[in-house]
């Protein structure tokens, strides 16, 4: 069961990370909705992906959310080193996908909103992966990223609904 969860997570992440290969401008709004929602879930779930959290709880019923922010469900499929490398690949591809969307879609104000989100996402990821950032600063970055993600998502949902 645990390997199946890991396999599904790796496949889904791989497909989404290659968005720039198979995507078209028509799908950019859905990628934005997905990615902003994902980031909000990370902030709400204490830097955990829902799938990874589910995996950790199945493996250890006493696991507390946010206790360890490693993506453990990749390990049964990719090994420890492969899991770390794949996670770094995903983080990089997220930025590449967002830059692609930034350059080809939307009006100027939406591009500014996406650029602000990319900057926020970059700080959020750096805060997760560099231990020299103290706990108070890290918490402020997480909260700021959550707020920015929420408002950018709300803006995109509102503008999408108005266009319907």
C-alpha atoms as a PDB file:
ATOM      1  CA  UNK A   1       0.000   0.000   0.000  1.00  0.00           C
ATOM      2  CA  UNK A   2       2.762   2.470   0.930  1.00  0.00           C
ATOM      3  CA  UNK A   3       4.647   1.799  -2.308  1.00  0.00           C
ATOM      4  CA  UNK A   4       1.460   2.393  -4.301  1.00  0.00           C
ATOM      5  CA  UNK A   5       0.991   5.801  -2.651  1.00  0.00           C
ATOM      6  CA  UNK A   6       4.613   6.683  -3.412  1.00  0.00           C
ATOM      7  CA  UNK A   7       4.299   5.488  -7.004  1.00  0.00           C
ATOM      8  CA  UNK A   8       1.111   7.509  -7.590  1.00  0.00           C
ATOM      9  CA  UNK A   9       2.695  10.604  -6.031  1.00  0.00           C
ATOM     10  CA  UNK A  10       5.826  10.289  -8.211  1.00  0.00           C
ATOM     11  CA  UNK A  11       3.734   9.823 -11.381  1.00  0.00           C
ATOM     12  CA  UNK A  12       1.407  12.755 -10.633  1.00  0.00           C
ATOM     13  CA  UNK A  13       4.318  15.044  -9.742  1.00  0.00           C
ATOM     14  CA  UNK A  14       6.206  13.991 -12.887  1.00  0.00           C
ATOM     15  CA  UNK A  15       3.253  14.751 -15.149  1.00  0.00           C
ATOM     16  CA  UNK A  16       2.598  18.129 -13.530  1.00  0.00           C
ATOM     17  CA  UNK A  17       6.300  19.068 -13.537  1.00  0.00           C
ATOM     18  CA  UNK A  18       6.357  18.612 -17.309  1.00  0.00           C
ATOM     19  CA  UNK A  19       3.436  20.998 -17.763  1.00  0.00           C
ATOM     20  CA  UNK A  20       5.581  23.184 -20.020  1.00  0.00           C
ATOM     21  CA  UNK A  21       5.912  20.298 -22.519  1.00  0.00           C
ATOM     22  CA  UNK A  22       2.263  19.374 -22.973  1.00  0.00           C
ATOM     23  CA  UNK A  23       0.471  22.543 -21.974  1.00  0.00           C
ATOM     24  CA  UNK A  24      -1.199  25.276 -23.913  1.00  0.00           C
ATOM     25  CA  UNK A  25      -2.160  28.787 -22.968  1.00  0.00           C
ATOM     26  CA  UNK A  26      -5.752  27.606 -22.470  1.00  0.00           C
ATOM     27  CA  UNK A  27      -4.750  25.461 -19.471  1.00  0.00           C
ATOM     28  CA  UNK A  28      -2.586  28.060 -17.713  1.00  0.00           C
ATOM     29  CA  UNK A  29      -5.408  29.294 -15.497  1.00  0.00           C
ATOM     30  CA  UNK A  30      -5.992  25.739 -14.223  1.00  0.00           C
ATOM     31  CA  UNK A  31      -2.295  25.284 -13.482  1.00  0.00           C
ATOM     32  CA  UNK A  32      -2.347  28.578 -11.553  1.00  0.00           C
ATOM     33  CA  UNK A  33      -5.414  27.448  -9.548  1.00  0.00           C
ATOM     34  CA  UNK A  34      -3.780  24.086  -8.842  1.00  0.00           C
ATOM     35  CA  UNK A  35      -0.418  25.509  -7.826  1.00  0.00           C
ATOM     36  CA  UNK A  36      -1.795  28.300  -5.636  1.00  0.00           C
ATOM     37  CA  UNK A  37      -4.094  25.786  -3.902  1.00  0.00           C
ATOM     38  CA  UNK A  38      -1.158  23.428  -3.400  1.00  0.00           C
ATOM     39  CA  UNK A  39       0.896  26.192  -1.802  1.00  0.00           C
ATOM     40  CA  UNK A  40      -1.966  27.143   0.499  1.00  0.00           C
ATOM     41  CA  UNK A  41      -2.298  23.508   1.548  1.00  0.00           C
ATOM     42  CA  UNK A  42       1.444  23.404   2.331  1.00  0.00           C
ATOM     43  CA  UNK A  43       1.094  26.447   4.569  1.00  0.00           C
ATOM     44  CA  UNK A  44      -2.067  25.154   6.267  1.00  0.00           C
ATOM     45  CA  UNK A  45      -0.646  21.636   6.710  1.00  0.00           C
ATOM     46  CA  UNK A  46       2.613  22.831   8.306  1.00  0.00           C
ATOM     47  CA  UNK A  47       4.788  22.344   5.196  1.00  0.00           C
ATOM     48  CA  UNK A  48       3.318  18.956   4.357  1.00  0.00           C
ATOM     49  CA  UNK A  49       1.859  17.731   1.109  1.00  0.00           C
ATOM     50  CA  UNK A  50      -1.457  15.953   1.732  1.00  0.00           C
ATOM     51  CA  UNK A  51      -0.277  12.786  -0.032  1.00  0.00           C
ATOM     52  CA  UNK A  52       3.004  12.690   1.902  1.00  0.00           C
ATOM     53  CA  UNK A  53       1.202  13.336   5.183  1.00  0.00           C
ATOM     54  CA  UNK A  54      -1.229  10.485   4.444  1.00  0.00           C
ATOM     55  CA  UNK A  55       1.774   8.218   3.699  1.00  0.00           C
ATOM     56  CA  UNK A  56       3.504   9.177   6.967  1.00  0.00           C
ATOM     57  CA  UNK A  57       0.366   8.590   9.055  1.00  0.00           C
ATOM     58  CA  UNK A  58      -0.165   5.165   7.485  1.00  0.00           C
ATOM     59  CA  UNK A  59       3.449   4.296   8.238  1.00  0.00           C
ATOM     60  CA  UNK A  60       3.341   5.727  11.793  1.00  0.00           C
ATOM     61  CA  UNK A  61      -0.111   6.428  13.300  1.00  0.00           C
ATOM     62  CA  UNK A  62       1.552   8.628  15.966  1.00  0.00           C
ATOM     63  CA  UNK A  63       3.058  10.976  13.372  1.00  0.00           C
ATOM     64  CA  UNK A  64       2.309  14.663  13.996  1.00  0.00           C
ATOM     65  CA  UNK A  65       1.800  17.027  11.056  1.00  0.00           C
ATOM     66  CA  UNK A  66       4.944  19.044  10.323  1.00  0.00           C
ATOM     67  CA  UNK A  67       7.178  16.868  12.488  1.00  0.00           C
ATOM     68  CA  UNK A  68       9.358  16.143   9.458  1.00  0.00           C
ATOM     69  CA  UNK A  69       9.012  17.952   6.135  1.00  0.00           C
ATOM     70  CA  UNK A  70      10.887  15.377   4.071  1.00  0.00           C
ATOM     71  CA  UNK A  71       8.926  13.825   1.214  1.00  0.00           C
ATOM     72  CA  UNK A  72       9.190  10.266   2.534  1.00  0.00           C
ATOM     73  CA  UNK A  73       6.754   8.650   0.097  1.00  0.00           C
ATOM     74  CA  UNK A  74       9.198   9.114  -2.809  1.00  0.00           C
ATOM     75  CA  UNK A  75      11.840   6.970  -1.042  1.00  0.00           C
ATOM     76  CA  UNK A  76      10.314   3.485  -1.592  1.00  0.00           C
ATOM     77  CA  UNK A  77      10.239   4.230  -5.333  1.00  0.00           C
ATOM     78  CA  UNK A  78      13.347   6.377  -5.874  1.00  0.00           C
ATOM     79  CA  UNK A  79      15.584   5.613  -2.883  1.00  0.00           C
ATOM     80  CA  UNK A  80      16.856   8.233  -0.430  1.00  0.00           C
ATOM     81  CA  UNK A  81      19.191  10.089  -2.815  1.00  0.00           C
ATOM     82  CA  UNK A  82      16.772   9.818  -5.733  1.00  0.00           C
ATOM     83  CA  UNK A  83      13.991  11.173  -3.535  1.00  0.00           C
ATOM     84  CA  UNK A  84      16.016  14.255  -2.564  1.00  0.00           C
ATOM     85  CA  UNK A  85      17.054  14.869  -6.186  1.00  0.00           C
ATOM     86  CA  UNK A  86      13.495  14.393  -7.469  1.00  0.00           C
ATOM     87  CA  UNK A  87      12.149  16.839  -4.885  1.00  0.00           C
ATOM     88  CA  UNK A  88      14.736  19.449  -5.962  1.00  0.00           C
ATOM     89  CA  UNK A  89      13.796  18.802  -9.589  1.00  0.00           C
ATOM     90  CA  UNK A  90      10.113  19.392  -8.761  1.00  0.00           C
ATOM     91  CA  UNK A  91      10.828  22.656  -6.953  1.00  0.00           C
ATOM     92  CA  UNK A  92      12.852  23.885  -9.930  1.00  0.00           C
ATOM     93  CA  UNK A  93      10.256  22.799 -12.485  1.00  0.00           C
ATOM     94  CA  UNK A  94       7.540  24.621 -10.547  1.00  0.00           C
ATOM     95  CA  UNK A  95       9.427  27.887 -11.042  1.00  0.00           C
ATOM     96  CA  UNK A  96      10.043  27.120 -14.733  1.00  0.00           C
ATOM     97  CA  UNK A  97       6.341  26.376 -15.276  1.00  0.00           C
ATOM     98  CA  UNK A  98       5.354  29.604 -13.526  1.00  0.00           C
ATOM     99  CA  UNK A  99       7.809  31.643 -15.610  1.00  0.00           C
ATOM    100  CA  UNK A 100       6.416  30.058 -18.772  1.00  0.00           C
ATOM    101  CA  UNK A 101       2.925  31.082 -17.745  1.00  0.00           C
ATOM    102  CA  UNK A 102       4.184  34.537 -16.794  1.00  0.00           C
ATOM    103  CA  UNK A 103       5.620  35.107 -20.267  1.00  0.00           C
ATOM    104  CA  UNK A 104       2.734  33.808 -22.375  1.00  0.00           C
ATOM    105  CA  UNK A 105      -0.525  34.392 -20.545  1.00  0.00           C
ATOM    106  CA  UNK A 106      -2.669  37.025 -18.936  1.00  0.00           C
ATOM    107  CA  UNK A 107      -2.717  40.805 -18.789  1.00  0.00           C
ATOM    108  CA  UNK A 108      -0.156  43.014 -17.051  1.00  0.00           C
ATOM    109  CA  UNK A 109      -1.780  43.036 -13.613  1.00  0.00           C
ATOM    110  CA  UNK A 110      -2.119  39.250 -13.545  1.00  0.00           C
ATOM    111  CA  UNK A 111       1.528  38.982 -14.589  1.00  0.00           C
ATOM    112  CA  UNK A 112       2.478  41.193 -11.641  1.00  0.00           C
ATOM    113  CA  UNK A 113       0.416  38.943  -9.335  1.00  0.00           C
ATOM    114  CA  UNK A 114       2.171  35.826 -10.689  1.00  0.00           C
ATOM    115  CA  UNK A 115       5.596  37.501 -10.384  1.00  0.00           C
ATOM    116  CA  UNK A 116       4.835  38.411  -6.752  1.00  0.00           C
ATOM    117  CA  UNK A 117       3.760  34.836  -6.117  1.00  0.00           C
ATOM    118  CA  UNK A 118       6.960  33.460  -7.741  1.00  0.00           C
ATOM    119  CA  UNK A 119       9.040  35.687  -5.463  1.00  0.00           C
ATOM    120  CA  UNK A 120       7.043  34.572  -2.428  1.00  0.00           C
ATOM    121  CA  UNK A 121       7.315  30.901  -3.462  1.00  0.00           C
ATOM    122  CA  UNK A 122      11.087  31.242  -3.857  1.00  0.00           C
ATOM    123  CA  UNK A 123      11.463  32.669  -0.340  1.00  0.00           C
ATOM    124  CA  UNK A 124       9.151  29.970   1.029  1.00  0.00           C
ATOM    125  CA  UNK A 125      11.193  27.169  -0.549  1.00  0.00           C
ATOM    126  CA  UNK A 126      14.475  28.718   0.589  1.00  0.00           C
ATOM    127  CA  UNK A 127      13.134  28.994   4.148  1.00  0.00           C
ATOM    128  CA  UNK A 128      12.313  25.278   4.065  1.00  0.00           C
ATOM    129  CA  UNK A 129      15.698  24.158   2.781  1.00  0.00           C
ATOM    130  CA  UNK A 130      18.261  26.379   4.478  1.00  0.00           C
ATOM    131  CA  UNK A 131      18.882  25.900   8.176  1.00  0.00           C
ATOM    132  CA  UNK A 132      20.578  29.296   8.661  1.00  0.00           C
ATOM    133  CA  UNK A 133      17.171  31.008   8.589  1.00  0.00           C
ATOM    134  CA  UNK A 134      16.018  31.271  12.200  1.00  0.00           C
ATOM    135  CA  UNK A 135      12.668  29.922  13.339  1.00  0.00           C
ATOM    136  CA  UNK A 136      10.988  33.338  13.784  1.00  0.00           C
ATOM    137  CA  UNK A 137      12.017  34.515  10.308  1.00  0.00           C
ATOM    138  CA  UNK A 138      10.920  31.191   8.831  1.00  0.00           C
ATOM    139  CA  UNK A 139       7.494  31.530  10.459  1.00  0.00           C
ATOM    140  CA  UNK A 140       7.108  35.082   9.082  1.00  0.00           C
ATOM    141  CA  UNK A 141       8.029  33.843   5.606  1.00  0.00           C
ATOM    142  CA  UNK A 142       5.467  31.014   5.861  1.00  0.00           C
ATOM    143  CA  UNK A 143       2.718  33.385   6.985  1.00  0.00           C
ATOM    144  CA  UNK A 144       3.594  35.953   4.303  1.00  0.00           C
ATOM    145  CA  UNK A 145       3.609  33.261   1.628  1.00  0.00           C
ATOM    146  CA  UNK A 146       0.234  31.975   2.809  1.00  0.00           C
ATOM    147  CA  UNK A 147      -1.264  35.471   2.686  1.00  0.00           C
ATOM    148  CA  UNK A 148       0.184  36.219  -0.754  1.00  0.00           C
ATOM    149  CA  UNK A 149      -0.957  32.823  -2.078  1.00  0.00           C
ATOM    150  CA  UNK A 150      -4.455  33.376  -0.719  1.00  0.00           C
ATOM    151  CA  UNK A 151      -4.854  36.842  -2.223  1.00  0.00           C
ATOM    152  CA  UNK A 152      -3.389  35.873  -5.592  1.00  0.00           C
ATOM    153  CA  UNK A 153      -5.690  32.826  -5.698  1.00  0.00           C
ATOM    154  CA  UNK A 154      -8.685  34.962  -4.704  1.00  0.00           C
ATOM    155  CA  UNK A 155      -7.800  37.479  -7.417  1.00  0.00           C
ATOM    156  CA  UNK A 156      -7.549  34.759 -10.082  1.00  0.00           C
ATOM    157  CA  UNK A 157     -10.773  33.061  -8.987  1.00  0.00           C
ATOM    158  CA  UNK A 158     -12.596  36.402  -8.967  1.00  0.00           C
ATOM    159  CA  UNK A 159     -11.316  37.410 -12.403  1.00  0.00           C
ATOM    160  CA  UNK A 160     -12.058  33.938 -13.803  1.00  0.00           C
ATOM    161  CA  UNK A 161     -15.628  34.050 -12.467  1.00  0.00           C
ATOM    162  CA  UNK A 162     -16.153  37.538 -13.918  1.00  0.00           C
ATOM    163  CA  UNK A 163     -15.028  36.309 -17.332  1.00  0.00           C
ATOM    164  CA  UNK A 164     -17.666  33.556 -17.359  1.00  0.00           C
END
